[in-house]
Amino acid sequence: MIRWLCVGGLLWVMGCAHRADRSPETQPQAPCPEQTLSSAEVAELSRLGVITVDANRLGEHHSTASLEAGMPMLKKAALHGDGTAMAKYASLVTWYGFIDNDGEPFLGRSQGENGQEGLLFSLLAAHRGEPIWHEDQDNFRVLLDPAVPFPAGFFEDGSGIAWLVQGWSPESVDQVRQEAYGWRDCWPD
């Protein structure tokens, strides 16, 4: 009996490893976000989201009320393919929800969940053609294509977007980059 449990366990482990080794083309991709707005409505929602999050700003600091009011607009516009909204949303979620966070929930998510959300929308924005800093080109080359393996030292790099994923497991980063990769063609240019 124990021998069959061991064989069964070994087959299960081998099956899991086999699934993890599949290329992105054979990985099941998440369905595209539902598209309910016209392109004009998306552009207007993005514009209003930016104006709203920047209202009541003190220097580089955004007010909590403005973020709470504007972030849902930016996310909805981002999920409809607006690159500006994706980049702004990613930046704000990463800053307030992950970097400048003392463990308190931000927009109903934990610090780790906000880090993943920020990474997802950063990658989506890059897939949509938003500019990538010259210093981050190599990191984004890895993050934008799940077929590219993580190079040695990738999770110890303290610069650019790689700083965001320091200490994350390769599996959690891979999950986010696969989701972004799967959504890269969801929106017409």
Protein backbone atom coordinates (compact mmCIF):
# COMPACT_ATOMS: atom_id res chain seq x y z
CA MET A 1 0.00 0.00 0.00
CA ILE A 2 2.75 2.47 0.96
CA ARG A 3 4.57 1.69 -2.30
CA TRP A 4 1.44 2.68 -4.31
CA LEU A 5 1.09 5.90 -2.31
CA CYS A 6 4.74 6.72 -3.06
CA VAL A 7 4.28 5.94 -6.76
CA GLY A 8 1.07 7.98 -6.84
CA GLY A 9 2.80 10.88 -5.08
CA LEU A 10 5.72 10.73 -7.48
CA LEU A 11 3.37 10.77 -10.48
CA TRP A 12 1.52 13.75 -8.99
CA VAL A 13 4.78 15.67 -8.47
CA MET A 14 5.92 14.83 -12.00
CA GLY A 15 2.57 15.98 -13.37
CA CYS A 16 2.82 19.28 -11.50
CA ALA A 17 6.36 19.82 -12.73
CA HIS A 18 5.28 19.00 -16.28
CA ARG A 19 2.46 21.56 -16.13
CA ALA A 20 4.83 24.21 -14.75
CA ASP A 21 7.26 23.63 -17.62
CA ARG A 22 4.69 24.28 -20.37
CA SER A 23 5.40 27.24 -22.59
CA PRO A 24 3.18 30.35 -22.30
CA GLU A 25 1.53 29.44 -25.60
CA THR A 26 0.16 26.25 -24.06
CA GLN A 27 -0.71 27.75 -20.68
CA PRO A 28 -4.41 28.47 -20.35
CA GLN A 29 -4.76 32.25 -20.52
CA ALA A 30 -7.18 34.24 -18.42
CA PRO A 31 -10.08 35.65 -20.38
CA CYS A 32 -9.78 39.29 -21.32
CA PRO A 33 -11.42 41.81 -19.02
CA GLU A 34 -14.99 42.56 -20.03
CA GLN A 35 -15.23 45.58 -22.33
CA THR A 36 -18.37 47.63 -21.72
CA LEU A 37 -17.26 51.17 -22.60
CA SER A 38 -16.67 52.93 -25.90
CA SER A 39 -13.20 54.28 -26.61
CA ALA A 40 -14.49 57.83 -25.95
CA GLU A 41 -15.90 56.75 -22.58
CA VAL A 42 -12.63 55.06 -21.67
CA ALA A 43 -10.62 58.18 -22.56
CA GLU A 44 -12.96 60.36 -20.50
CA LEU A 45 -12.86 57.97 -17.54
CA SER A 46 -9.06 57.96 -17.67
CA ARG A 47 -8.96 61.77 -17.81
CA LEU A 48 -11.39 62.09 -14.88
CA GLY A 49 -9.49 59.47 -12.89
CA VAL A 50 -6.22 61.38 -13.27
CA ILE A 51 -7.89 64.68 -12.33
CA THR A 52 -9.58 63.07 -9.33
CA VAL A 53 -6.49 61.38 -7.87
CA ASP A 54 -4.50 64.59 -8.33
CA ALA A 55 -7.14 66.77 -6.62
CA ASN A 56 -6.15 68.06 -3.18
CA ARG A 57 -2.56 67.05 -3.77
CA LEU A 58 0.16 68.47 -1.53
CA GLY A 59 3.39 68.32 -3.51
CA GLU A 60 3.96 64.68 -4.32
CA HIS A 61 1.43 63.46 -1.74
CA HIS A 62 -2.11 62.52 -2.77
CA SER A 63 -5.05 62.82 -0.40
CA THR A 64 -6.65 59.59 0.74
CA ALA A 65 -10.11 60.82 -0.31
CA SER A 66 -8.86 61.68 -3.81
CA LEU A 67 -7.20 58.27 -4.17
CA GLU A 68 -10.30 56.45 -2.96
CA ALA A 69 -12.45 58.39 -5.44
CA GLY A 70 -10.11 58.29 -8.44
CA MET A 71 -8.45 54.89 -8.30
CA PRO A 72 -11.58 52.92 -9.28
CA MET A 73 -11.92 55.16 -12.36
CA LEU A 74 -8.29 54.59 -13.32
CA LYS A 75 -8.58 50.84 -12.81
CA LYS A 76 -11.72 50.61 -14.94
CA ALA A 77 -10.11 52.66 -17.72
CA ALA A 78 -6.96 50.51 -17.40
CA LEU A 79 -8.99 47.32 -17.69
CA HIS A 80 -10.46 48.80 -20.88
CA GLY A 81 -6.96 49.16 -22.33
CA ASP A 82 -6.03 52.78 -21.63
CA GLY A 83 -2.23 52.85 -21.32
CA THR A 84 -2.13 56.16 -19.45
CA ALA A 85 -4.60 54.84 -16.88
CA MET A 86 -2.60 51.60 -16.58
CA ALA A 87 0.63 53.47 -15.89
CA LYS A 88 -0.92 55.94 -13.43
CA TYR A 89 -2.85 53.22 -11.60
CA ALA A 90 0.26 51.00 -11.41
CA SER A 91 2.36 53.85 -10.07
CA LEU A 92 -0.12 54.84 -7.37
CA VAL A 93 -0.95 51.27 -6.27
CA THR A 94 2.74 50.45 -6.08
CA TRP A 95 3.59 53.59 -4.12
CA TYR A 96 0.70 53.85 -1.67
CA GLY A 97 -0.24 50.18 -1.46
CA PHE A 98 3.20 48.58 -1.43
CA ILE A 99 6.19 50.89 -0.93
CA ASP A 100 4.81 53.59 1.39
CA ASN A 101 2.65 51.15 3.30
CA ASP A 102 2.88 50.30 6.97
CA GLY A 103 0.93 47.07 6.66
CA GLU A 104 -2.47 48.75 6.46
CA PRO A 105 -4.87 47.70 3.71
CA PHE A 106 -4.98 50.03 0.70
CA LEU A 107 -8.03 49.86 -1.55
CA GLY A 108 -9.10 46.75 0.36
CA ARG A 109 -5.93 44.80 -0.45
CA SER A 110 -2.89 43.76 1.57
CA GLN A 111 0.57 45.15 0.92
CA GLY A 112 1.59 42.03 -1.01
CA GLU A 113 -1.59 42.05 -3.10
CA ASN A 114 -1.00 45.69 -3.95
CA GLY A 115 2.56 44.88 -5.03
CA GLN A 116 1.23 42.22 -7.38
CA GLU A 117 -1.49 44.57 -8.67
CA GLY A 118 1.12 47.29 -9.29
CA LEU A 119 3.39 44.86 -11.13
CA LEU A 120 0.50 43.56 -13.25
CA PHE A 121 -0.55 47.01 -14.41
CA SER A 122 3.08 48.10 -14.94
CA LEU A 123 3.56 45.14 -17.26
CA LEU A 124 0.22 45.77 -19.01
CA ALA A 125 1.19 49.41 -19.58
CA ALA A 126 4.51 48.30 -21.07
CA HIS A 127 2.73 45.77 -23.29
CA ARG A 128 0.49 48.65 -24.44
CA GLY A 129 3.51 50.75 -25.43
CA GLU A 130 4.01 52.98 -22.41
CA PRO A 131 7.68 54.02 -22.21
CA ILE A 132 10.12 51.91 -20.19
CA TRP A 133 13.06 53.63 -18.52
CA HIS A 134 16.32 52.85 -20.28
CA GLU A 135 17.78 51.42 -17.05
CA ASP A 136 14.82 49.01 -16.79
CA GLN A 137 14.94 47.60 -20.33
CA ASP A 138 16.67 44.35 -19.33
CA ASN A 139 14.33 43.74 -16.38
CA PHE A 140 11.25 44.35 -18.51
CA ARG A 141 12.60 42.04 -21.21
CA VAL A 142 12.42 39.28 -18.61
CA LEU A 143 9.13 40.37 -17.06
CA LEU A 144 7.22 40.87 -20.31
CA ASP A 145 7.87 37.39 -21.69
CA PRO A 146 7.19 34.35 -19.49
CA ALA A 147 9.29 32.23 -21.84
CA VAL A 148 12.42 34.15 -20.73
CA PRO A 149 13.89 32.53 -17.60
CA PHE A 150 14.77 34.68 -14.61
CA PRO A 151 18.52 35.30 -14.76
CA ALA A 152 20.75 34.63 -11.78
CA GLY A 153 20.47 37.45 -9.26
CA PHE A 154 17.21 38.81 -10.70
CA PHE A 155 15.48 38.74 -7.31
CA GLU A 156 18.39 40.48 -5.59
CA ASP A 157 18.56 43.42 -8.03
CA GLY A 158 17.88 46.65 -6.16
CA SER A 159 17.20 48.85 -9.18
CA GLY A 160 14.13 49.83 -11.14
CA ILE A 161 11.19 47.47 -11.27
CA ALA A 162 13.38 44.58 -10.09
CA TRP A 163 13.49 46.32 -6.72
CA LEU A 164 9.72 45.77 -6.48
CA VAL A 165 10.05 42.00 -6.71
CA GLN A 166 13.02 41.62 -4.37
CA GLY A 167 12.20 38.82 -1.99
CA TRP A 168 9.19 37.56 -3.99
CA SER A 169 9.14 33.96 -5.06
CA PRO A 170 9.81 33.30 -8.75
CA GLU A 171 6.41 31.56 -8.87
CA SER A 172 4.50 34.63 -7.70
CA VAL A 173 6.26 36.90 -10.21
CA ASP A 174 5.77 34.34 -12.95
CA GLN A 175 2.04 34.21 -12.19
CA VAL A 176 1.75 37.99 -12.62
CA ARG A 177 3.84 38.13 -15.78
CA GLN A 178 1.82 35.27 -17.31
CA GLU A 179 -1.42 37.11 -16.57
CA ALA A 180 -0.08 40.29 -18.18
CA TYR A 181 1.23 38.30 -21.13
CA GLY A 182 -2.14 36.63 -21.52
CA TRP A 183 -3.91 40.00 -21.58
CA ARG A 184 -1.42 41.79 -23.87
CA ASP A 185 -3.63 41.43 -26.95
CA CYS A 186 -6.99 42.06 -25.27
CA TRP A 187 -7.29 45.60 -26.61
CA PRO A 188 -7.09 46.88 -30.18
CA ASP A 189 -4.39 49.46 -30.84
